PDB file of N, CA and C in Angstrom:
ATOM      1  N   MET A   1      10.725  24.695  15.881  1.00  0.00           N
ATOM      2  CA  MET A   1      10.372  25.091  14.407  1.00  0.00           C
ATOM      3  C   MET A   1       9.304  24.919  14.071  1.00  0.00           C
ATOM      4  N   PRO A   2       8.650  26.029  13.624  1.00  0.00           N
ATOM      5  CA  PRO A   2       7.443  25.749  13.100  1.00  0.00           C
ATOM      6  C   PRO A   2       6.790  24.479  12.088  1.00  0.00           C
ATOM      7  N   ARG A   3       5.346  23.818  11.918  1.00  0.00           N
ATOM      8  CA  ARG A   3       5.536  23.113  10.886  1.00  0.00           C
ATOM      9  C   ARG A   3       5.023  23.938  10.018  1.00  0.00           C
ATOM     10  N   THR A   4       5.672  23.525   8.783  1.00  0.00           N
ATOM     11  CA  THR A   4       4.499  24.390   7.357  1.00  0.00           C
ATOM     12  C   THR A   4       4.071  23.457   6.376  1.00  0.00           C
ATOM     13  N   LEU A   5       2.849  23.688   5.608  1.00  0.00           N
ATOM     14  CA  LEU A   5       2.349  22.645   4.610  1.00  0.00           C
ATOM     15  C   LEU A   5       2.336  23.248   3.467  1.00  0.00           C
ATOM     16  N   THR A   6       3.717  24.036   2.985  1.00  0.00           N
ATOM     17  CA  THR A   6       2.892  24.875   2.095  1.00  0.00           C
ATOM     18  C   THR A   6       2.839  23.734   0.830  1.00  0.00           C
ATOM     19  N   LYS A   7       3.941  22.432   0.920  1.00  0.00           N
ATOM     20  CA  LYS A   7       4.115  21.592   0.054  1.00  0.00           C
ATOM     21  C   LYS A   7       2.337  20.727  -0.487  1.00  0.00           C
ATOM     22  N   ASN A   8       2.402  20.418   0.992  1.00  0.00           N
ATOM     23  CA  ASN A   8       1.061  19.425   1.088  1.00  0.00           C
ATOM     24  C   ASN A   8      -0.211  20.674   0.911  1.00  0.00           C
ATOM     25  N   HIS A   9      -0.457  21.376   0.675  1.00  0.00           N
ATOM     26  CA  HIS A   9      -1.224  22.636   0.743  1.00  0.00           C
ATOM     27  C   HIS A   9      -1.493  22.457  -1.051  1.00  0.00           C
ATOM     28  N   ALA A  10      -0.302  22.769  -1.570  1.00  0.00           N
ATOM     29  CA  ALA A  10      -0.696  22.810  -2.936  1.00  0.00           C
ATOM     30  C   ALA A  10      -0.956  21.624  -3.842  1.00  0.00           C
ATOM     31  N   HIS A  11      -0.129  20.329  -2.824  1.00  0.00           N
ATOM     32  CA  HIS A  11      -1.134  19.168  -3.299  1.00  0.00           C
ATOM     33  C   HIS A  11      -2.475  19.077  -3.174  1.00  0.00           C
ATOM     34  N   PHE A  12      -2.915  19.414  -2.015  1.00  0.00           N
ATOM     35  CA  PHE A  12      -4.208  19.735  -1.924  1.00  0.00           C
ATOM     36  C   PHE A  12      -4.986  20.097  -3.115  1.00  0.00           C
ATOM     37  N   LEU A  13      -4.456  21.351  -3.091  1.00  0.00           N
ATOM     38  CA  LEU A  13      -5.380  22.327  -4.449  1.00  0.00           C
ATOM     39  C   LEU A  13      -5.338  21.199  -5.487  1.00  0.00           C
ATOM     40  N   ARG A  14      -4.424  20.660  -6.001  1.00  0.00           N
ATOM     41  CA  ARG A  14      -4.147  19.644  -7.456  1.00  0.00           C
ATOM     42  C   ARG A  14      -5.448  18.725  -7.161  1.00  0.00           C
ATOM     43  N   ALA A  15      -5.201  18.234  -5.638  1.00  0.00           N
ATOM     44  CA  ALA A  15      -6.358  16.606  -5.677  1.00  0.00           C
ATOM     45  C   ALA A  15      -6.795  17.027  -5.754  1.00  0.00           C
ATOM     46  N   VAL A  16      -7.427  17.949  -5.099  1.00  0.00           N
ATOM     47  CA  VAL A  16      -9.204  18.337  -4.898  1.00  0.00           C
ATOM     48  C   VAL A  16      -9.777  18.376  -5.838  1.00  0.00           C
ATOM     49  N   GLN A  17      -9.285  18.628  -7.263  1.00  0.00           N
ATOM     50  CA  GLN A  17      -9.419  18.744  -8.463  1.00  0.00           C
ATOM     51  C   GLN A  17     -10.141  17.144  -9.334  1.00  0.00           C
ATOM     52  N   ARG A  18      -9.749  16.221  -8.634  1.00  0.00           N
ATOM     53  CA  ARG A  18      -9.505  14.861  -9.351  1.00  0.00           C
ATOM     54  C   ARG A  18     -10.394  13.734  -8.226  1.00  0.00           C
ATOM     55  N   MET A  19     -10.562  14.229  -6.701  1.00  0.00           N
ATOM     56  CA  MET A  19     -11.419  13.559  -5.730  1.00  0.00           C
ATOM     57  C   MET A  19     -12.107  14.504  -4.949  1.00  0.00           C
ATOM     58  N   PRO A  20     -13.006  13.938  -4.443  1.00  0.00           N
ATOM     59  CA  PRO A  20     -13.448  14.341  -3.170  1.00  0.00           C
ATOM     60  C   PRO A  20     -12.967  15.000  -2.132  1.00  0.00           C
ATOM     61  N   LEU A  21     -12.970  15.939  -1.428  1.00  0.00           N
ATOM     62  CA  LEU A  21     -11.783  15.958  -0.313  1.00  0.00           C
ATOM     63  C   LEU A  21     -10.430  15.777  -0.691  1.00  0.00           C
ATOM     64  N   GLY A  22      -9.834  15.469  -1.851  1.00  0.00           N
ATOM     65  CA  GLY A  22      -8.216  15.441  -1.918  1.00  0.00           C
ATOM     66  C   GLY A  22      -7.641  14.439  -1.749  1.00  0.00           C
ATOM     67  N   VAL A  23      -8.642  13.194  -0.925  1.00  0.00           N
ATOM     68  CA  VAL A  23      -8.183  12.198  -0.699  1.00  0.00           C
ATOM     69  C   VAL A  23      -8.931  11.043  -0.679  1.00  0.00           C
ATOM     70  N   ALA A  24      -8.147   9.720  -0.624  1.00  0.00           N
ATOM     71  CA  ALA A  24      -8.780   8.697  -1.417  1.00  0.00           C
ATOM     72  C   ALA A  24     -10.287   7.899   0.050  1.00  0.00           C
ATOM     73  N   SER A  25     -10.075   8.815   1.094  1.00  0.00           N
ATOM     74  CA  SER A  25     -11.429   8.679   2.301  1.00  0.00           C
ATOM     75  C   SER A  25     -11.383   9.568   3.162  1.00  0.00           C
ATOM     76  N   ASN A  26     -12.361   9.884   3.485  1.00  0.00           N
ATOM     77  CA  ASN A  26     -12.363  11.049   4.683  1.00  0.00           C
ATOM     78  C   ASN A  26     -11.507  10.901   5.647  1.00  0.00           C
ATOM     79  N   PHE A  27     -11.287   9.302   6.592  1.00  0.00           N
ATOM     80  CA  PHE A  27     -10.376   9.316   7.034  1.00  0.00           C
ATOM     81  C   PHE A  27      -8.826  10.178   7.017  1.00  0.00           C
ATOM     82  N   ARG A  28      -8.657  10.667   5.595  1.00  0.00           N
ATOM     83  CA  ARG A  28      -7.689  11.363   5.710  1.00  0.00           C
ATOM     84  C   ARG A  28      -7.490  12.460   5.302  1.00  0.00           C
ATOM     85  N   PHE A  29      -8.693  13.066   5.545  1.00  0.00           N
ATOM     86  CA  PHE A  29      -8.887  14.337   5.341  1.00  0.00           C
ATOM     87  C   PHE A  29      -8.980  15.315   6.358  1.00  0.00           C
ATOM     88  N   TRP A  30      -7.938  15.954   6.605  1.00  0.00           N
ATOM     89  CA  TRP A  30      -8.078  16.994   8.204  1.00  0.00           C
ATOM     90  C   TRP A  30      -8.498  18.271   7.656  1.00  0.00           C
ATOM     91  N   GLY A  31      -9.033  18.537   7.084  1.00  0.00           N
ATOM     92  CA  GLY A  31      -9.068  19.842   6.797  1.00  0.00           C
ATOM     93  C   GLY A  31      -8.589  20.650   5.609  1.00  0.00           C
ATOM     94  N   GLU A  32      -9.308  22.028   4.747  1.00  0.00           N
ATOM     95  CA  GLU A  32      -8.246  22.525   3.660  1.00  0.00           C
ATOM     96  C   GLU A  32      -7.002  22.962   3.940  1.00  0.00           C
ATOM     97  N   GLU A  33      -6.639  23.172   5.115  1.00  0.00           N
ATOM     98  CA  GLU A  33      -5.756  23.587   5.444  1.00  0.00           C
ATOM     99  C   GLU A  33      -4.614  22.762   5.923  1.00  0.00           C
ATOM    100  N   ARG A  34      -5.116  21.775   6.567  1.00  0.00           N
ATOM    101  CA  ARG A  34      -4.230  20.906   7.621  1.00  0.00           C
ATOM    102  C   ARG A  34      -3.914  19.533   6.625  1.00  0.00           C
ATOM    103  N   THR A  35      -4.553  19.080   5.747  1.00  0.00           N
ATOM    104  CA  THR A  35      -4.467  18.093   5.146  1.00  0.00           C
ATOM    105  C   THR A  35      -2.971  17.240   4.750  1.00  0.00           C
ATOM    106  N   ILE A  36      -2.243  16.161   5.011  1.00  0.00           N
ATOM    107  CA  ILE A  36      -1.045  16.037   4.785  1.00  0.00           C
ATOM    108  C   ILE A  36      -0.703  15.411   3.597  1.00  0.00           C
ATOM    109  N   TYR A  37      -0.226  15.265   3.186  1.00  0.00           N
ATOM    110  CA  TYR A  37      -0.008  13.694   2.116  1.00  0.00           C
ATOM    111  C   TYR A  37       1.749  13.246   2.589  1.00  0.00           C
ATOM    112  N   VAL A  38       1.672  11.804   2.734  1.00  0.00           N
ATOM    113  CA  VAL A  38       2.619  10.900   2.819  1.00  0.00           C
ATOM    114  C   VAL A  38       3.553  10.831   1.826  1.00  0.00           C
ATOM    115  N   LYS A  39       5.118  11.174   2.382  1.00  0.00           N
ATOM    116  CA  LYS A  39       6.181  11.015   1.154  1.00  0.00           C
ATOM    117  C   LYS A  39       7.023  10.093   1.183  1.00  0.00           C
ATOM    118  N   SER A  40       7.283   9.607   2.434  1.00  0.00           N
ATOM    119  CA  SER A  40       8.039   8.322   3.254  1.00  0.00           C
ATOM    120  C   SER A  40       7.461   7.615   4.829  1.00  0.00           C
ATOM    121  N   GLY A  41       8.023   6.647   5.163  1.00  0.00           N
ATOM    122  CA  GLY A  41       7.937   5.808   6.501  1.00  0.00           C
ATOM    123  C   GLY A  41       8.801   5.249   6.662  1.00  0.00           C
ATOM    124  N   ARG A  42       9.033   5.199   7.967  1.00  0.00           N
ATOM    125  CA  ARG A  42      10.327   4.139   8.856  1.00  0.00           C
ATOM    126  C   ARG A  42       9.402   4.194  10.140  1.00  0.00           C
ATOM    127  N   GLY A  43       9.384   3.182  10.241  1.00  0.00           N
ATOM    128  CA  GLY A  43       9.173   2.187  11.652  1.00  0.00           C
ATOM    129  C   GLY A  43       7.553   2.690  11.911  1.00  0.00           C
ATOM    130  N   ALA A  44       7.706   3.760  12.736  1.00  0.00           N
ATOM    131  CA  ALA A  44       6.376   4.685  12.976  1.00  0.00           C
ATOM    132  C   ALA A  44       6.179   5.660  12.833  1.00  0.00           C
ATOM    133  N   ARG A  45       7.389   5.929  12.392  1.00  0.00           N
ATOM    134  CA  ARG A  45       7.014   7.641  11.672  1.00  0.00           C
ATOM    135  C   ARG A  45       6.706   7.813  10.477  1.00  0.00           C
ATOM    136  N   ILE A  46       5.994   8.942  10.192  1.00  0.00           N
ATOM    137  CA  ILE A  46       5.873   8.970   8.415  1.00  0.00           C
ATOM    138  C   ILE A  46       6.665  10.428   8.325  1.00  0.00           C
ATOM    139  N   THR A  47       6.837  11.002   6.960  1.00  0.00           N
ATOM    140  CA  THR A  47       6.860  12.217   6.749  1.00  0.00           C
ATOM    141  C   THR A  47       6.210  12.679   5.324  1.00  0.00           C
ATOM    142  N   ASP A  48       6.068  14.142   5.867  1.00  0.00           N
ATOM    143  CA  ASP A  48       4.930  14.236   4.749  1.00  0.00           C
ATOM    144  C   ASP A  48       5.710  15.453   3.731  1.00  0.00           C
ATOM    145  N   LEU A  49       5.167  15.898   2.593  1.00  0.00           N
ATOM    146  CA  LEU A  49       5.831  16.603   1.462  1.00  0.00           C
ATOM    147  C   LEU A  49       6.366  17.906   1.736  1.00  0.00           C
ATOM    148  N   ASP A  50       6.240  18.315   3.043  1.00  0.00           N
ATOM    149  CA  ASP A  50       6.933  19.121   3.622  1.00  0.00           C
ATOM    150  C   ASP A  50       8.075  18.836   4.344  1.00  0.00           C
ATOM    151  N   ASP A  51       8.201  17.535   4.613  1.00  0.00           N
ATOM    152  CA  ASP A  51       9.646  17.318   5.546  1.00  0.00           C
ATOM    153  C   ASP A  51       9.156  17.520   6.990  1.00  0.00           C
ATOM    154  N   ASN A  52       7.963  17.242   7.357  1.00  0.00           N
ATOM    155  CA  ASN A  52       7.558  17.511   8.930  1.00  0.00           C
ATOM    156  C   ASN A  52       7.707  15.958   9.383  1.00  0.00           C
ATOM    157  N   VAL A  53       8.120  15.593  10.357  1.00  0.00           N
ATOM    158  CA  VAL A  53       7.948  14.429  10.465  1.00  0.00           C
ATOM    159  C   VAL A  53       6.736  14.182  11.619  1.00  0.00           C
ATOM    160  N   TYR A  54       6.526  12.639  11.458  1.00  0.00           N
ATOM    161  CA  TYR A  54       4.851  12.839  12.542  1.00  0.00           C
ATOM    162  C   TYR A  54       5.534  11.248  13.037  1.00  0.00           C
ATOM    163  N   VAL A  55       5.158  10.995  14.106  1.00  0.00           N
ATOM    164  CA  VAL A  55       4.605   9.423  14.783  1.00  0.00           C
ATOM    165  C   VAL A  55       3.337   9.229  13.985  1.00  0.00           C
ATOM    166  N   ASP A  56       3.281   8.125  13.875  1.00  0.00           N
ATOM    167  CA  ASP A  56       1.845   7.516  13.331  1.00  0.00           C
ATOM    168  C   ASP A  56       1.377   6.682  14.092  1.00  0.00           C
ATOM    169  N   TYR A  57       0.281   7.220  15.224  1.00  0.00           N
ATOM    170  CA  TYR A  57      -0.050   6.318  16.182  1.00  0.00           C
ATOM    171  C   TYR A  57      -1.414   5.503  15.261  1.00  0.00           C
ATOM    172  N   ARG A  58      -1.716   5.821  14.014  1.00  0.00           N
ATOM    173  CA  ARG A  58      -2.657   4.799  13.621  1.00  0.00           C
ATOM    174  C   ARG A  58      -2.118   4.094  12.685  1.00  0.00           C
ATOM    175  N   MET A  59      -0.916   3.802  12.604  1.00  0.00           N
ATOM    176  CA  MET A  59       0.018   2.681  12.028  1.00  0.00           C
ATOM    177  C   MET A  59      -0.956   2.171  10.410  1.00  0.00           C
ATOM    178  N   GLY A  60      -1.538   3.050   9.801  1.00  0.00           N
ATOM    179  CA  GLY A  60      -2.300   2.769   8.514  1.00  0.00           C
ATOM    180  C   GLY A  60      -3.394   2.093   9.224  1.00  0.00           C
ATOM    181  N   TYR A  61      -4.283   1.527   8.269  1.00  0.00           N
ATOM    182  CA  TYR A  61      -5.889   0.961   9.083  1.00  0.00           C
ATOM    183  C   TYR A  61      -5.389  -0.071   9.887  1.00  0.00           C
ATOM    184  N   GLY A  62      -4.745  -0.906  10.043  1.00  0.00           N
ATOM    185  CA  GLY A  62      -4.510  -2.254  10.638  1.00  0.00           C
ATOM    186  C   GLY A  62      -3.527  -2.317  11.626  1.00  0.00           C
ATOM    187  N   PRO A  63      -3.238  -3.121  12.330  1.00  0.00           N
ATOM    188  CA  PRO A  63      -2.210  -3.185  13.087  1.00  0.00           C
ATOM    189  C   PRO A  63      -1.039  -3.934  12.251  1.00  0.00           C
ATOM    190  N   ALA A  64      -0.258  -2.692  11.968  1.00  0.00           N
ATOM    191  CA  ALA A  64       1.013  -2.329  11.108  1.00  0.00           C
ATOM    192  C   ALA A  64       2.124  -2.761  12.189  1.00  0.00           C
ATOM    193  N   ILE A  65       2.407  -3.973  13.402  1.00  0.00           N
ATOM    194  CA  ILE A  65       3.336  -3.981  14.596  1.00  0.00           C
ATOM    195  C   ILE A  65       4.614  -3.556  14.129  1.00  0.00           C
ATOM    196  N   LEU A  66       5.043  -3.950  13.139  1.00  0.00           N
ATOM    197  CA  LEU A  66       6.667  -3.593  12.243  1.00  0.00           C
ATOM    198  C   LEU A  66       6.843  -2.744  12.114  1.00  0.00           C
ATOM    199  N   GLY A  67       6.191  -1.538  11.846  1.00  0.00           N
ATOM    200  CA  GLY A  67       5.622  -0.054  11.071  1.00  0.00           C
ATOM    201  C   GLY A  67       6.066  -0.378  10.159  1.00  0.00           C
ATOM    202  N   TYR A  68       6.926   0.725   9.286  1.00  0.00           N
ATOM    203  CA  TYR A  68       7.003   1.009   7.775  1.00  0.00           C
ATOM    204  C   TYR A  68       8.061   0.518   7.465  1.00  0.00           C
ATOM    205  N   ALA A  69       8.057   0.044   6.068  1.00  0.00           N
ATOM    206  CA  ALA A  69       9.502  -0.455   5.749  1.00  0.00           C
ATOM    207  C   ALA A  69      10.397  -1.002   6.623  1.00  0.00           C
ATOM    208  N   ASP A  70      10.027  -1.881   7.140  1.00  0.00           N
ATOM    209  CA  ASP A  70      10.740  -3.098   8.035  1.00  0.00           C
ATOM    210  C   ASP A  70      11.511  -3.665   6.913  1.00  0.00           C
ATOM    211  N   PRO A  71      13.159  -3.745   7.332  1.00  0.00           N
ATOM    212  CA  PRO A  71      13.792  -4.390   6.008  1.00  0.00           C
ATOM    213  C   PRO A  71      13.892  -5.896   5.777  1.00  0.00           C
ATOM    214  N   ARG A  72      12.928  -6.812   7.423  1.00  0.00           N
ATOM    215  CA  ARG A  72      12.545  -8.117   7.231  1.00  0.00           C
ATOM    216  C   ARG A  72      11.575  -8.037   5.823  1.00  0.00           C
ATOM    217  N   VAL A  73      10.218  -7.324   6.394  1.00  0.00           N
ATOM    218  CA  VAL A  73       9.669  -7.415   5.457  1.00  0.00           C
ATOM    219  C   VAL A  73       9.764  -7.332   3.998  1.00  0.00           C
ATOM    220  N   ASP A  74      10.195  -5.928   3.613  1.00  0.00           N
ATOM    221  CA  ASP A  74      10.377  -5.819   2.465  1.00  0.00           C
ATOM    222  C   ASP A  74      11.321  -6.937   1.404  1.00  0.00           C
ATOM    223  N   GLN A  75      12.404  -7.719   2.557  1.00  0.00           N
ATOM    224  CA  GLN A  75      13.334  -8.335   1.930  1.00  0.00           C
ATOM    225  C   GLN A  75      12.304 -10.006   1.372  1.00  0.00           C
ATOM    226  N   ALA A  76      11.353  -9.919   2.352  1.00  0.00           N
ATOM    227  CA  ALA A  76      10.128 -10.797   2.351  1.00  0.00           C
ATOM    228  C   ALA A  76       9.589 -10.682   1.057  1.00  0.00           C
ATOM    229  N   ARG A  77       8.976  -9.539   0.969  1.00  0.00           N
ATOM    230  CA  ARG A  77       8.136  -9.067  -0.213  1.00  0.00           C
ATOM    231  C   ARG A  77       8.936  -9.072  -1.466  1.00  0.00           C
ATOM    232  N   ALA A  78      10.002  -8.812  -1.703  1.00  0.00           N
ATOM    233  CA  ALA A  78      11.372  -9.132  -2.717  1.00  0.00           C
ATOM    234  C   ALA A  78      11.153  -9.831  -3.262  1.00  0.00           C
ATOM    235  N   ARG A  79      11.176 -10.899  -2.289  1.00  0.00           N
ATOM    236  CA  ARG A  79      11.060 -12.473  -2.760  1.00  0.00           C
ATOM    237  C   ARG A  79      10.669 -13.103  -3.038  1.00  0.00           C
ATOM    238  N   ALA A  80       9.519 -12.630  -2.933  1.00  0.00           N
ATOM    239  CA  ALA A  80       7.947 -12.902  -2.772  1.00  0.00           C
ATOM    240  C   ALA A  80       7.731 -12.429  -4.197  1.00  0.00           C
ATOM    241  N   CYS A  81       7.800 -11.437  -4.801  1.00  0.00           N
ATOM    242  CA  CYS A  81       7.748 -10.768  -6.104  1.00  0.00           C
ATOM    243  C   CYS A  81       8.629 -11.658  -7.107  1.00  0.00           C
ATOM    244  N   ARG A  82       9.736 -12.089  -6.700  1.00  0.00           N
ATOM    245  CA  ARG A  82      10.616 -12.761  -7.752  1.00  0.00           C
ATOM    246  C   ARG A  82      10.276 -14.259  -8.141  1.00  0.00           C
ATOM    247  N   SER A  83       9.700 -14.473  -7.025  1.00  0.00           N
ATOM    248  CA  SER A  83       9.369 -15.688  -7.286  1.00  0.00           C
ATOM    249  C   SER A  83       7.880 -15.857  -7.760  1.00  0.00           C
ATOM    250  N   ALA A  84       7.088 -14.685  -7.894  1.00  0.00           N
ATOM    251  CA  ALA A  84       5.763 -14.889  -8.722  1.00  0.00           C
ATOM    252  C   ALA A  84       4.676 -15.254  -7.400  1.00  0.00           C
ATOM    253  N   ALA A  85       5.069 -15.171  -6.026  1.00  0.00           N
ATOM    254  CA  ALA A  85       4.665 -15.723  -4.999  1.00  0.00           C
ATOM    255  C   ALA A  85       3.203 -14.527  -4.734  1.00  0.00           C
ATOM    256  N   CYS A  86       3.316 -13.752  -5.229  1.00  0.00           N
ATOM    257  CA  CYS A  86       2.135 -12.447  -5.437  1.00  0.00           C
ATOM    258  C   CYS A  86       0.896 -12.357  -6.325  1.00  0.00           C
ATOM    259  N   SER A  87       1.394 -13.625  -7.410  1.00  0.00           N
ATOM    260  CA  SER A  87       0.106 -13.505  -8.400  1.00  0.00           C
ATOM    261  C   SER A  87      -1.127 -14.378  -7.581  1.00  0.00           C
ATOM    262  N   ARG A  88      -2.076 -14.444  -8.311  1.00  0.00           N
ATOM    263  CA  ARG A  88      -3.494 -14.826  -7.965  1.00  0.00           C
ATOM    264  C   ARG A  88      -2.964 -16.293  -8.101  1.00  0.00           C
ATOM    265  N   CYS A  89      -2.421 -17.351  -8.507  1.00  0.00           N
ATOM    266  CA  CYS A  89      -2.078 -18.724  -8.684  1.00  0.00           C
ATOM    267  C   CYS A  89      -1.309 -18.955  -7.092  1.00  0.00           C
ATOM    268  N   PRO A  90      -1.969 -20.432  -6.671  1.00  0.00           N
ATOM    269  CA  PRO A  90      -0.911 -20.242  -5.105  1.00  0.00           C
ATOM    270  C   PRO A  90       0.709 -21.036  -5.654  1.00  0.00           C
ATOM    271  N   PRO A  91       1.402 -20.219  -5.068  1.00  0.00           N
ATOM    272  CA  PRO A  91       2.828 -20.778  -5.720  1.00  0.00           C
ATOM    273  C   PRO A  91       3.382 -21.951  -4.452  1.00  0.00           C
ATOM    274  N   ASN A  92       4.488 -22.208  -5.380  1.00  0.00           N
ATOM    275  CA  ASN A  92       4.816 -23.658  -5.054  1.00  0.00           C
ATOM    276  C   ASN A  92       4.878 -23.558  -2.964  1.00  0.00           C
ATOM    277  N   ALA A  93       5.592 -22.118  -2.506  1.00  0.00           N
ATOM    278  CA  ALA A  93       5.498 -22.327  -1.242  1.00  0.00           C
ATOM    279  C   ALA A  93       4.572 -22.631   0.160  1.00  0.00           C
ATOM    280  N   ASN A  94       3.378 -21.983  -0.867  1.00  0.00           N
ATOM    281  CA  ASN A  94       1.831 -21.907  -0.054  1.00  0.00           C
ATOM    282  C   ASN A  94       1.205 -23.352  -0.702  1.00  0.00           C
ATOM    283  N   THR A  95       1.692 -24.496  -0.991  1.00  0.00           N
ATOM    284  CA  THR A  95       1.047 -25.397  -1.407  1.00  0.00           C
ATOM    285  C   THR A  95       0.631 -26.434  -0.046  1.00  0.00           C
ATOM    286  N   ALA A  96       1.282 -26.249   0.629  1.00  0.00           N
ATOM    287  CA  ALA A  96       1.102 -26.436   1.996  1.00  0.00           C
ATOM    288  C   ALA A  96       2.278 -27.634   2.240  1.00  0.00           C
ATOM    289  N   SER A  97       1.729 -29.113   2.087  1.00  0.00           N
ATOM    290  CA  SER A  97       2.707 -29.742   2.160  1.00  0.00           C
ATOM    291  C   SER A  97       2.605 -30.360   0.999  1.00  0.00           C
ATOM    292  N   PRO A  98       3.885 -32.075   0.739  1.00  0.00           N
ATOM    293  CA  PRO A  98       4.353 -32.980  -0.042  1.00  0.00           C
ATOM    294  C   PRO A  98       2.609 -33.353  -0.519  1.00  0.00           C
ATOM    295  N   ASN A  99       1.737 -33.892   0.596  1.00  0.00           N
ATOM    296  CA  ASN A  99       0.437 -34.408  -0.012  1.00  0.00           C
ATOM    297  C   ASN A  99      -0.400 -33.649  -0.310  1.00  0.00           C
ATOM    298  N   ALA A 100       0.056 -32.278  -1.046  1.00  0.00           N
ATOM    299  CA  ALA A 100      -1.207 -31.275  -1.459  1.00  0.00           C
ATOM    300  C   ALA A 100      -1.621 -32.003  -2.488  1.00  0.00           C
ATOM    301  N   SER A 101      -3.087 -31.462  -2.933  1.00  0.00           N
ATOM    302  CA  SER A 101      -3.852 -32.148  -3.879  1.00  0.00           C
ATOM    303  C   SER A 101      -2.900 -32.007  -5.750  1.00  0.00           C
ATOM    304  N   PRO A 102      -2.863 -32.805  -6.201  1.00  0.00           N
ATOM    305  CA  PRO A 102      -2.007 -32.174  -7.331  1.00  0.00           C
ATOM    306  C   PRO A 102      -2.749 -31.082  -8.359  1.00  0.00           C
ATOM    307  N   ARG A 103      -4.444 -31.569  -7.909  1.00  0.00           N
ATOM    308  CA  ARG A 103      -4.722 -30.384  -8.327  1.00  0.00           C
ATOM    309  C   ARG A 103      -4.702 -29.011  -8.445  1.00  0.00           C
ATOM    310  N   TRP A 104      -4.181 -28.548  -6.988  1.00  0.00           N
ATOM    311  CA  TRP A 104      -3.689 -27.156  -7.235  1.00  0.00           C
ATOM    312  C   TRP A 104      -1.823 -27.090  -7.401  1.00  0.00           C
ATOM    313  N   CYS A 105      -1.312 -27.751  -7.357  1.00  0.00           N
ATOM    314  CA  CYS A 105       0.135 -27.531  -7.899  1.00  0.00           C
ATOM    315  C   CYS A 105       0.048 -27.954  -9.483  1.00  0.00           C
ATOM    316  N   ARG A 106      -1.004 -27.830 -10.411  1.00  0.00           N
ATOM    317  CA  ARG A 106      -1.179 -27.545 -11.909  1.00  0.00           C
ATOM    318  C   ARG A 106      -1.102 -26.058 -12.188  1.00  0.00           C
ATOM    319  N   PRO A 107      -0.365 -25.703 -13.171  1.00  0.00           N
ATOM    320  CA  PRO A 107      -0.629 -24.403 -13.646  1.00  0.00           C
ATOM    321  C   PRO A 107      -2.148 -24.621 -14.037  1.00  0.00           C
ATOM    322  N   ARG A 108      -3.010 -23.150 -14.157  1.00  0.00           N
ATOM    323  CA  ARG A 108      -4.224 -22.978 -14.360  1.00  0.00           C
ATOM    324  C   ARG A 108      -4.176 -22.172 -15.795  1.00  0.00           C
ATOM    325  N   SER A 109      -5.659 -22.397 -16.589  1.00  0.00           N
ATOM    326  CA  SER A 109      -5.416 -21.592 -17.610  1.00  0.00           C
ATOM    327  C   SER A 109      -5.470 -19.958 -17.296  1.00  0.00           C
ATOM    328  N   TRP A 110      -6.645 -20.106 -15.989  1.00  0.00           N
ATOM    329  CA  TRP A 110      -7.138 -18.468 -16.202  1.00  0.00           C
ATOM    330  C   TRP A 110      -6.440 -17.585 -15.146  1.00  0.00           C
ATOM    331  N   CYS A 111      -5.020 -18.501 -14.796  1.00  0.00           N
ATOM    332  CA  CYS A 111      -3.978 -17.644 -13.773  1.00  0.00           C
ATOM    333  C   CYS A 111      -3.122 -16.220 -14.794  1.00  0.00           C
ATOM    334  N   ALA A 112      -2.954 -16.794 -16.086  1.00  0.00           N
ATOM    335  CA  ALA A 112      -2.530 -15.842 -16.787  1.00  0.00           C
ATOM    336  C   ALA A 112      -3.646 -14.825 -17.681  1.00  0.00           C
ATOM    337  N   SER A 113      -4.947 -15.650 -17.560  1.00  0.00           N
ATOM    338  CA  SER A 113      -5.660 -14.700 -18.721  1.00  0.00           C
ATOM    339  C   SER A 113      -5.810 -13.155 -18.385  1.00  0.00           C
ATOM    340  N   PRO A 114      -6.460 -12.800 -19.481  1.00  0.00           N
ATOM    341  CA  PRO A 114      -7.006 -11.218 -19.237  1.00  0.00           C
ATOM    342  C   PRO A 114      -7.905 -11.037 -18.638  1.00  0.00           C
ATOM    343  N   ILE A 115      -8.573 -10.338 -17.663  1.00  0.00           N
ATOM    344  CA  ILE A 115      -9.486  -9.895 -17.644  1.00  0.00           C
ATOM    345  C   ILE A 115     -10.417  -9.604 -18.704  1.00  0.00           C
ATOM    346  N   ARG A 116     -11.983  -9.935 -18.893  1.00  0.00           N
ATOM    347  CA  ARG A 116     -12.478  -9.969 -19.521  1.00  0.00           C
ATOM    348  C   ARG A 116     -13.553  -9.200 -18.818  1.00  0.00           C
ATOM    349  N   VAL A 117     -14.232  -7.970 -19.495  1.00  0.00           N
ATOM    350  CA  VAL A 117     -14.885  -7.317 -19.544  1.00  0.00           C
ATOM    351  C   VAL A 117     -16.258  -7.130 -20.002  1.00  0.00           C
ATOM    352  N   PRO A 118     -17.852  -7.455 -20.083  1.00  0.00           N
ATOM    353  CA  PRO A 118     -18.717  -7.358 -20.911  1.00  0.00           C
ATOM    354  C   PRO A 118     -19.019  -6.149 -21.633  1.00  0.00           C
ATOM    355  N   ARG A 119     -19.207  -5.757 -22.535  1.00  0.00           N
ATOM    356  CA  ARG A 119     -19.580  -4.374 -23.192  1.00  0.00           C
ATOM    357  C   ARG A 119     -21.087  -4.861 -22.946  1.00  0.00           C
ATOM    358  N   ARG A 120     -21.612  -3.408 -22.805  1.00  0.00           N
ATOM    359  CA  ARG A 120     -23.003  -3.205 -22.649  1.00  0.00           C
ATOM    360  C   ARG A 120     -23.883  -2.824 -23.582  1.00  0.00           C
TER     361      ARG A 120
END
């Protein structure tokens, strides 16, 4: 069955009005009629907006050796989010050892403070 890019191209026409080439980096631009937008991924395969399935040999920008949506990674990420381990503060699990310096284990006021942007 031939590949169609109808939904991808419609998305491109909207996206190109908001950002150059309709994508966040030129690495993702494959031409006006050929640029795809990924809807989902599992393992080494990605699915675009038109439900075309591709083997992603690039695997993102880095060595994603487990592929997309690996259940082990998703579960670890969910645990980290529930425990606030993905905040800017060092979580208890990452304080290394019982001998870790107490100064790293105390809550810091800057962890929860809002970002302040100076006015010009």
